[in-house]
Amino acid sequence: MAHVLAKLTGVKVSDIKQQLASDMNRHAEHGLYLKHLWQNADDNNEVFFIFRTTDLDKARKFIDEVHNQVLAADHNANLPRMTFLEER
């Protein structure tokens, strides 16, 4: 099973939790299912979250499209750093 790990800095975990909840259906349409959300114990402004996905290529395409749209509107947008993981 594949996963997508996200790291986002300069944010409050409560804000990210709310955003992920509001985006849940849209994420699911693209095969992304939130599994966990963590706050860095040493840095309250750093959040990690991980999605499970059945189709890593589809997930990557969706994330790239969304991030490109956001960056087109604001090239300084604070977007998560995404890591695409395959189980071997």
PDB file of N, CA and C in Angstrom:
ATOM      1  N   MET A   1       0.840  -1.171   0.000  1.00  0.00           N
ATOM      2  CA  MET A   1       0.000   0.000   0.000  1.00  0.00           C
ATOM      3  C   MET A   1       0.887   1.237   0.000  1.00  0.00           C
ATOM      4  N   ALA A   2       0.492   2.232  -0.745  1.00  0.00           N
ATOM      5  CA  ALA A   2       1.260   3.467  -0.858  1.00  0.00           C
ATOM      6  C   ALA A   2       0.730   4.509   0.126  1.00  0.00           C
ATOM      7  N   HIS A   3       1.603   5.439   0.466  1.00  0.00           N
ATOM      8  CA  HIS A   3       1.253   6.527   1.372  1.00  0.00           C
ATOM      9  C   HIS A   3       1.852   7.828   0.858  1.00  0.00           C
ATOM     10  N   VAL A   4       1.270   8.923   1.314  1.00  0.00           N
ATOM     11  CA  VAL A   4       1.800  10.251   1.021  1.00  0.00           C
ATOM     12  C   VAL A   4       1.967  10.949   2.366  1.00  0.00           C
ATOM     13  N   LEU A   5       3.219  11.293   2.679  1.00  0.00           N
ATOM     14  CA  LEU A   5       3.551  11.974   3.919  1.00  0.00           C
ATOM     15  C   LEU A   5       3.721  13.458   3.635  1.00  0.00           C
ATOM     16  N   ALA A   6       3.088  14.283   4.456  1.00  0.00           N
ATOM     17  CA  ALA A   6       3.165  15.730   4.276  1.00  0.00           C
ATOM     18  C   ALA A   6       3.773  16.365   5.515  1.00  0.00           C
ATOM     19  N   LYS A   7       4.631  17.356   5.282  1.00  0.00           N
ATOM     20  CA  LYS A   7       5.230  18.136   6.357  1.00  0.00           C
ATOM     21  C   LYS A   7       4.924  19.598   6.067  1.00  0.00           C
ATOM     22  N   LEU A   8       4.360  20.285   7.050  1.00  0.00           N
ATOM     23  CA  LEU A   8       3.987  21.688   6.875  1.00  0.00           C
ATOM     24  C   LEU A   8       4.463  22.466   8.094  1.00  0.00           C
ATOM     25  N   THR A   9       5.124  23.579   7.852  1.00  0.00           N
ATOM     26  CA  THR A   9       5.633  24.397   8.939  1.00  0.00           C
ATOM     27  C   THR A   9       4.941  25.750   8.964  1.00  0.00           C
ATOM     28  N   GLY A  10       5.012  26.383  10.125  1.00  0.00           N
ATOM     29  CA  GLY A  10       4.427  27.708  10.269  1.00  0.00           C
ATOM     30  C   GLY A  10       2.913  27.687  10.358  1.00  0.00           C
ATOM     31  N   VAL A  11       2.358  26.612  10.882  1.00  0.00           N
ATOM     32  CA  VAL A  11       0.903  26.452  10.953  1.00  0.00           C
ATOM     33  C   VAL A  11       0.499  25.926  12.326  1.00  0.00           C
ATOM     34  N   LYS A  12      -0.777  26.098  12.637  1.00  0.00           N
ATOM     35  CA  LYS A  12      -1.347  25.528  13.851  1.00  0.00           C
ATOM     36  C   LYS A  12      -1.999  24.208  13.496  1.00  0.00           C
ATOM     37  N   VAL A  13      -1.821  23.215  14.327  1.00  0.00           N
ATOM     38  CA  VAL A  13      -2.391  21.895  14.056  1.00  0.00           C
ATOM     39  C   VAL A  13      -3.915  21.981  13.970  1.00  0.00           C
ATOM     40  N   SER A  14      -4.531  22.851  14.757  1.00  0.00           N
ATOM     41  CA  SER A  14      -5.992  22.980  14.715  1.00  0.00           C
ATOM     42  C   SER A  14      -6.470  23.486  13.354  1.00  0.00           C
ATOM     43  N   ASP A  15      -5.711  24.399  12.746  1.00  0.00           N
ATOM     44  CA  ASP A  15      -6.076  24.906  11.421  1.00  0.00           C
ATOM     45  C   ASP A  15      -5.952  23.821  10.353  1.00  0.00           C
ATOM     46  N   ILE A  16      -4.898  23.037  10.432  1.00  0.00           N
ATOM     47  CA  ILE A  16      -4.688  21.962   9.453  1.00  0.00           C
ATOM     48  C   ILE A  16      -5.737  20.877   9.636  1.00  0.00           C
ATOM     49  N   LYS A  17      -6.053  20.560  10.865  1.00  0.00           N
ATOM     50  CA  LYS A  17      -7.081  19.553  11.144  1.00  0.00           C
ATOM     51  C   LYS A  17      -8.420  19.981  10.529  1.00  0.00           C
ATOM     52  N   GLN A  18      -8.761  21.239  10.691  1.00  0.00           N
ATOM     53  CA  GLN A  18     -10.011  21.760  10.130  1.00  0.00           C
ATOM     54  C   GLN A  18      -9.974  21.727   8.601  1.00  0.00           C
ATOM     55  N   GLN A  19      -8.855  22.123   8.005  1.00  0.00           N
ATOM     56  CA  GLN A  19      -8.737  22.130   6.547  1.00  0.00           C
ATOM     57  C   GLN A  19      -8.832  20.715   5.979  1.00  0.00           C
ATOM     58  N   LEU A  20      -8.147  19.777   6.615  1.00  0.00           N
ATOM     59  CA  LEU A  20      -8.195  18.388   6.152  1.00  0.00           C
ATOM     60  C   LEU A  20      -9.602  17.816   6.260  1.00  0.00           C
ATOM     61  N   ALA A  21     -10.314  18.176   7.296  1.00  0.00           N
ATOM     62  CA  ALA A  21     -11.698  17.712   7.453  1.00  0.00           C
ATOM     63  C   ALA A  21     -12.581  18.269   6.346  1.00  0.00           C
ATOM     64  N   SER A  22     -12.393  19.540   6.002  1.00  0.00           N
ATOM     65  CA  SER A  22     -13.230  20.132   4.950  1.00  0.00           C
ATOM     66  C   SER A  22     -12.866  19.602   3.566  1.00  0.00           C
ATOM     67  N   ASP A  23     -11.628  19.137   3.388  1.00  0.00           N
ATOM     68  CA  ASP A  23     -11.168  18.612   2.097  1.00  0.00           C
ATOM     69  C   ASP A  23     -11.319  17.094   1.981  1.00  0.00           C
ATOM     70  N   MET A  24     -11.846  16.445   3.005  1.00  0.00           N
ATOM     71  CA  MET A  24     -11.877  14.980   3.050  1.00  0.00           C
ATOM     72  C   MET A  24     -12.543  14.354   1.821  1.00  0.00           C
ATOM     73  N   ASN A  25     -13.696  14.847   1.423  1.00  0.00           N
ATOM     74  CA  ASN A  25     -14.398  14.256   0.281  1.00  0.00           C
ATOM     75  C   ASN A  25     -13.627  14.471  -1.013  1.00  0.00           C
ATOM     76  N   ARG A  26     -13.075  15.656  -1.191  1.00  0.00           N
ATOM     77  CA  ARG A  26     -12.284  15.933  -2.400  1.00  0.00           C
ATOM     78  C   ARG A  26     -11.057  15.027  -2.448  1.00  0.00           C
ATOM     79  N   HIS A  27     -10.401  14.856  -1.309  1.00  0.00           N
ATOM     80  CA  HIS A  27      -9.244  13.959  -1.259  1.00  0.00           C
ATOM     81  C   HIS A  27      -9.656  12.536  -1.627  1.00  0.00           C
ATOM     82  N   ALA A  28     -10.775  12.086  -1.075  1.00  0.00           N
ATOM     83  CA  ALA A  28     -11.245  10.718  -1.328  1.00  0.00           C
ATOM     84  C   ALA A  28     -11.546  10.498  -2.810  1.00  0.00           C
ATOM     85  N   GLU A  29     -12.065  11.521  -3.481  1.00  0.00           N
ATOM     86  CA  GLU A  29     -12.333  11.408  -4.925  1.00  0.00           C
ATOM     87  C   GLU A  29     -11.060  11.108  -5.711  1.00  0.00           C
ATOM     88  N   HIS A  30      -9.922  11.467  -5.132  1.00  0.00           N
ATOM     89  CA  HIS A  30      -8.636  11.255  -5.800  1.00  0.00           C
ATOM     90  C   HIS A  30      -7.806  10.174  -5.111  1.00  0.00           C
ATOM     91  N   GLY A  31      -8.485   9.364  -4.316  1.00  0.00           N
ATOM     92  CA  GLY A  31      -7.837   8.203  -3.713  1.00  0.00           C
ATOM     93  C   GLY A  31      -6.939   8.499  -2.534  1.00  0.00           C
ATOM     94  N   LEU A  32      -7.148   9.620  -1.855  1.00  0.00           N
ATOM     95  CA  LEU A  32      -6.348   9.973  -0.689  1.00  0.00           C
ATOM     96  C   LEU A  32      -7.204   9.882   0.573  1.00  0.00           C
ATOM     97  N   TYR A  33      -6.736   9.099   1.537  1.00  0.00           N
ATOM     98  CA  TYR A  33      -7.477   8.877   2.773  1.00  0.00           C
ATOM     99  C   TYR A  33      -6.568   9.187   3.956  1.00  0.00           C
ATOM    100  N   LEU A  34      -6.915  10.222   4.707  1.00  0.00           N
ATOM    101  CA  LEU A  34      -6.095  10.641   5.834  1.00  0.00           C
ATOM    102  C   LEU A  34      -6.042   9.539   6.884  1.00  0.00           C
ATOM    103  N   LYS A  35      -4.844   9.197   7.320  1.00  0.00           N
ATOM    104  CA  LYS A  35      -4.662   8.152   8.329  1.00  0.00           C
ATOM    105  C   LYS A  35      -4.255   8.738   9.673  1.00  0.00           C
ATOM    106  N   HIS A  36      -3.338   9.710   9.674  1.00  0.00           N
ATOM    107  CA  HIS A  36      -2.839  10.274  10.936  1.00  0.00           C
ATOM    108  C   HIS A  36      -2.451  11.731  10.735  1.00  0.00           C
ATOM    109  N   LEU A  37      -2.519  12.461  11.828  1.00  0.00           N
ATOM    110  CA  LEU A  37      -2.092  13.850  11.883  1.00  0.00           C
ATOM    111  C   LEU A  37      -1.283  14.004  13.157  1.00  0.00           C
ATOM    112  N   TRP A  38      -0.077  14.574  13.033  1.00  0.00           N
ATOM    113  CA  TRP A  38       0.785  14.752  14.187  1.00  0.00           C
ATOM    114  C   TRP A  38       1.258  16.199  14.286  1.00  0.00           C
ATOM    115  N   GLN A  39       1.500  16.620  15.509  1.00  0.00           N
ATOM    116  CA  GLN A  39       2.156  17.894  15.754  1.00  0.00           C
ATOM    117  C   GLN A  39       3.531  17.560  16.313  1.00  0.00           C
ATOM    118  N   ASN A  40       4.552  18.237  15.811  1.00  0.00           N
ATOM    119  CA  ASN A  40       5.908  18.031  16.300  1.00  0.00           C
ATOM    120  C   ASN A  40       5.965  18.416  17.780  1.00  0.00           C
ATOM    121  N   ALA A  41       6.395  17.502  18.621  1.00  0.00           N
ATOM    122  CA  ALA A  41       6.464  17.751  20.065  1.00  0.00           C
ATOM    123  C   ALA A  41       7.495  18.823  20.412  1.00  0.00           C
ATOM    124  N   ASP A  42       8.463  19.038  19.530  1.00  0.00           N
ATOM    125  CA  ASP A  42       9.512  20.026  19.784  1.00  0.00           C
ATOM    126  C   ASP A  42       9.285  21.341  19.060  1.00  0.00           C
ATOM    127  N   ASP A  43       8.303  21.390  18.186  1.00  0.00           N
ATOM    128  CA  ASP A  43       8.013  22.608  17.422  1.00  0.00           C
ATOM    129  C   ASP A  43       6.510  22.650  17.147  1.00  0.00           C
ATOM    130  N   ASN A  44       5.779  23.432  17.929  1.00  0.00           N
ATOM    131  CA  ASN A  44       4.322  23.491  17.805  1.00  0.00           C
ATOM    132  C   ASN A  44       3.847  24.016  16.460  1.00  0.00           C
ATOM    133  N   ASN A  45       4.727  24.614  15.691  1.00  0.00           N
ATOM    134  CA  ASN A  45       4.366  25.167  14.382  1.00  0.00           C
ATOM    135  C   ASN A  45       4.671  24.207  13.233  1.00  0.00           C
ATOM    136  N   GLU A  46       4.973  22.966  13.557  1.00  0.00           N
ATOM    137  CA  GLU A  46       5.279  21.971  12.527  1.00  0.00           C
ATOM    138  C   GLU A  46       4.301  20.808  12.650  1.00  0.00           C
ATOM    139  N   VAL A  47       3.678  20.470  11.518  1.00  0.00           N
ATOM    140  CA  VAL A  47       2.653  19.436  11.473  1.00  0.00           C
ATOM    141  C   VAL A  47       3.021  18.414  10.402  1.00  0.00           C
ATOM    142  N   PHE A  48       2.749  17.167  10.695  1.00  0.00           N
ATOM    143  CA  PHE A  48       2.901  16.075   9.741  1.00  0.00           C
ATOM    144  C   PHE A  48       1.552  15.387   9.604  1.00  0.00           C
ATOM    145  N   PHE A  49       1.250  14.937   8.396  1.00  0.00           N
ATOM    146  CA  PHE A  49       0.070  14.107   8.221  1.00  0.00           C
ATOM    147  C   PHE A  49       0.352  13.118   7.104  1.00  0.00           C
ATOM    148  N   ILE A  50      -0.375  12.008   7.150  1.00  0.00           N
ATOM    149  CA  ILE A  50      -0.127  10.945   6.180  1.00  0.00           C
ATOM    150  C   ILE A  50      -1.456  10.447   5.614  1.00  0.00           C
ATOM    151  N   PHE A  51      -1.437  10.274   4.301  1.00  0.00           N
ATOM    152  CA  PHE A  51      -2.573   9.714   3.584  1.00  0.00           C
ATOM    153  C   PHE A  51      -2.225   8.304   3.135  1.00  0.00           C
ATOM    154  N   ARG A  52      -3.218   7.438   3.105  1.00  0.00           N
ATOM    155  CA  ARG A  52      -3.130   6.141   2.437  1.00  0.00           C
ATOM    156  C   ARG A  52      -3.694   6.358   1.043  1.00  0.00           C
ATOM    157  N   THR A  53      -3.127   5.704   0.065  1.00  0.00           N
ATOM    158  CA  THR A  53      -3.661   5.799  -1.290  1.00  0.00           C
ATOM    159  C   THR A  53      -3.531   4.462  -1.997  1.00  0.00           C
ATOM    160  N   THR A  54      -4.476   4.184  -2.863  1.00  0.00           N
ATOM    161  CA  THR A  54      -4.429   2.953  -3.656  1.00  0.00           C
ATOM    162  C   THR A  54      -3.765   3.200  -5.005  1.00  0.00           C
ATOM    163  N   ASP A  55      -3.594   4.463  -5.374  1.00  0.00           N
ATOM    164  CA  ASP A  55      -3.013   4.817  -6.667  1.00  0.00           C
ATOM    165  C   ASP A  55      -2.089   6.023  -6.484  1.00  0.00           C
ATOM    166  N   LEU A  56      -0.810   5.734  -6.301  1.00  0.00           N
ATOM    167  CA  LEU A  56       0.166   6.783  -6.018  1.00  0.00           C
ATOM    168  C   LEU A  56       0.288   7.781  -7.166  1.00  0.00           C
ATOM    169  N   ASP A  57       0.212   7.304  -8.397  1.00  0.00           N
ATOM    170  CA  ASP A  57       0.315   8.205  -9.549  1.00  0.00           C
ATOM    171  C   ASP A  57      -0.867   9.173  -9.605  1.00  0.00           C
ATOM    172  N   LYS A  58      -2.063   8.664  -9.352  1.00  0.00           N
ATOM    173  CA  LYS A  58      -3.255   9.509  -9.341  1.00  0.00           C
ATOM    174  C   LYS A  58      -3.157  10.545  -8.216  1.00  0.00           C
ATOM    175  N   ALA A  59      -2.707  10.115  -7.054  1.00  0.00           N
ATOM    176  CA  ALA A  59      -2.554  11.024  -5.916  1.00  0.00           C
ATOM    177  C   ALA A  59      -1.521  12.102  -6.219  1.00  0.00           C
ATOM    178  N   ARG A  60      -0.404  11.711  -6.789  1.00  0.00           N
ATOM    179  CA  ARG A  60       0.658  12.663  -7.127  1.00  0.00           C
ATOM    180  C   ARG A  60       0.152  13.700  -8.143  1.00  0.00           C
ATOM    181  N   LYS A  61      -0.572  13.240  -9.148  1.00  0.00           N
ATOM    182  CA  LYS A  61      -1.101  14.147 -10.167  1.00  0.00           C
ATOM    183  C   LYS A  61      -2.057  15.167  -9.537  1.00  0.00           C
ATOM    184  N   PHE A  62      -2.954  14.694  -8.692  1.00  0.00           N
ATOM    185  CA  PHE A  62      -3.908  15.577  -8.018  1.00  0.00           C
ATOM    186  C   PHE A  62      -3.176  16.605  -7.154  1.00  0.00           C
ATOM    187  N   ILE A  63      -2.256  16.152  -6.344  1.00  0.00           N
ATOM    188  CA  ILE A  63      -1.508  17.058  -5.456  1.00  0.00           C
ATOM    189  C   ILE A  63      -0.721  18.077  -6.271  1.00  0.00           C
ATOM    190  N   ASP A  64      -0.058  17.628  -7.327  1.00  0.00           N
ATOM    191  CA  ASP A  64       0.693  18.555  -8.180  1.00  0.00           C
ATOM    192  C   ASP A  64      -0.222  19.614  -8.797  1.00  0.00           C
ATOM    193  N   GLU A  65      -1.400  19.198  -9.257  1.00  0.00           N
ATOM    194  CA  GLU A  65      -2.353  20.146  -9.850  1.00  0.00           C
ATOM    195  C   GLU A  65      -2.813  21.183  -8.827  1.00  0.00           C
ATOM    196  N   VAL A  66      -3.164  20.726  -7.644  1.00  0.00           N
ATOM    197  CA  VAL A  66      -3.632  21.638  -6.596  1.00  0.00           C
ATOM    198  C   VAL A  66      -2.521  22.604  -6.195  1.00  0.00           C
ATOM    199  N   HIS A  67      -1.330  22.082  -5.980  1.00  0.00           N
ATOM    200  CA  HIS A  67      -0.220  22.942  -5.573  1.00  0.00           C
ATOM    201  C   HIS A  67       0.126  23.957  -6.672  1.00  0.00           C
ATOM    202  N   ASN A  68       0.089  23.531  -7.915  1.00  0.00           N
ATOM    203  CA  ASN A  68       0.366  24.466  -9.014  1.00  0.00           C
ATOM    204  C   ASN A  68      -0.675  25.568  -9.089  1.00  0.00           C
ATOM    205  N   GLN A  69      -1.939  25.241  -8.872  1.00  0.00           N
ATOM    206  CA  GLN A  69      -3.006  26.252  -8.865  1.00  0.00           C
ATOM    207  C   GLN A  69      -2.794  27.255  -7.734  1.00  0.00           C
ATOM    208  N   VAL A  70      -2.461  26.760  -6.572  1.00  0.00           N
ATOM    209  CA  VAL A  70      -2.235  27.643  -5.422  1.00  0.00           C
ATOM    210  C   VAL A  70      -1.038  28.544  -5.678  1.00  0.00           C
ATOM    211  N   LEU A  71       0.039  27.974  -6.204  1.00  0.00           N
ATOM    212  CA  LEU A  71       1.239  28.766  -6.465  1.00  0.00           C
ATOM    213  C   LEU A  71       1.029  29.789  -7.578  1.00  0.00           C
ATOM    214  N   ALA A  72       0.158  29.486  -8.523  1.00  0.00           N
ATOM    215  CA  ALA A  72      -0.148  30.445  -9.587  1.00  0.00           C
ATOM    216  C   ALA A  72      -0.836  31.677  -9.009  1.00  0.00           C
ATOM    217  N   ALA A  73      -1.648  31.468  -7.983  1.00  0.00           N
ATOM    218  CA  ALA A  73      -2.353  32.580  -7.345  1.00  0.00           C
ATOM    219  C   ALA A  73      -1.470  33.306  -6.333  1.00  0.00           C
ATOM    220  N   ASP A  74      -0.560  32.570  -5.689  1.00  0.00           N
ATOM    221  CA  ASP A  74       0.324  33.152  -4.668  1.00  0.00           C
ATOM    222  C   ASP A  74       1.621  32.360  -4.643  1.00  0.00           C
ATOM    223  N   HIS A  75       2.641  32.895  -5.287  1.00  0.00           N
ATOM    224  CA  HIS A  75       3.895  32.144  -5.401  1.00  0.00           C
ATOM    225  C   HIS A  75       4.613  31.994  -4.052  1.00  0.00           C
ATOM    226  N   ASN A  76       4.133  32.651  -3.015  1.00  0.00           N
ATOM    227  CA  ASN A  76       4.697  32.516  -1.668  1.00  0.00           C
ATOM    228  C   ASN A  76       3.820  31.672  -0.752  1.00  0.00           C
ATOM    229  N   ALA A  77       2.871  30.956  -1.311  1.00  0.00           N
ATOM    230  CA  ALA A  77       1.946  30.150  -0.503  1.00  0.00           C
ATOM    231  C   ALA A  77       2.716  29.119   0.316  1.00  0.00           C
ATOM    232  N   ASN A  78       2.229  28.884   1.510  1.00  0.00           N
ATOM    233  CA  ASN A  78       2.829  27.903   2.407  1.00  0.00           C
ATOM    234  C   ASN A  78       2.195  26.539   2.135  1.00  0.00           C
ATOM    235  N   LEU A  79       2.867  25.754   1.324  1.00  0.00           N
ATOM    236  CA  LEU A  79       2.366  24.424   0.966  1.00  0.00           C
ATOM    237  C   LEU A  79       3.182  23.353   1.663  1.00  0.00           C
ATOM    238  N   PRO A  80       2.565  22.204   1.925  1.00  0.00           N
ATOM    239  CA  PRO A  80       3.310  21.125   2.571  1.00  0.00           C
ATOM    240  C   PRO A  80       4.333  20.507   1.630  1.00  0.00           C
ATOM    241  N   ARG A  81       5.397  20.017   2.218  1.00  0.00           N
ATOM    242  CA  ARG A  81       6.379  19.223   1.474  1.00  0.00           C
ATOM    243  C   ARG A  81       5.851  17.796   1.459  1.00  0.00           C
ATOM    244  N   MET A  82       5.655  17.275   0.260  1.00  0.00           N
ATOM    245  CA  MET A  82       5.048  15.955   0.096  1.00  0.00           C
ATOM    246  C   MET A  82       6.119  14.906  -0.202  1.00  0.00           C
ATOM    247  N   THR A  83       5.998  13.757   0.443  1.00  0.00           N
ATOM    248  CA  THR A  83       6.874  12.619   0.190  1.00  0.00           C
ATOM    249  C   THR A  83       5.987  11.442  -0.178  1.00  0.00           C
ATOM    250  N   PHE A  84       6.251  10.855  -1.325  1.00  0.00           N
ATOM    251  CA  PHE A  84       5.446   9.749  -1.842  1.00  0.00           C
ATOM    252  C   PHE A  84       6.151   8.440  -1.511  1.00  0.00           C
ATOM    253  N   LEU A  85       5.450   7.566  -0.801  1.00  0.00           N
ATOM    254  CA  LEU A  85       6.045   6.348  -0.252  1.00  0.00           C
ATOM    255  C   LEU A  85       5.369   5.107  -0.810  1.00  0.00           C
ATOM    256  N   GLU A  86       6.193   4.166  -1.255  1.00  0.00           N
ATOM    257  CA  GLU A  86       5.688   2.869  -1.726  1.00  0.00           C
ATOM    258  C   GLU A  86       6.192   1.778  -0.805  1.00  0.00           C
ATOM    259  N   GLU A  87       5.308   0.877  -0.466  1.00  0.00           N
ATOM    260  CA  GLU A  87       5.704  -0.260   0.358  1.00  0.00           C
ATOM    261  C   GLU A  87       6.401  -1.287  -0.520  1.00  0.00           C
ATOM    262  N   ARG A  88       7.463  -1.814  -0.062  1.00  0.00           N
ATOM    263  CA  ARG A  88       8.226  -2.817  -0.818  1.00  0.00           C
ATOM    264  C   ARG A  88       8.359  -4.096  -0.041  1.00  0.00           C
TER     265      ARG A  88
END
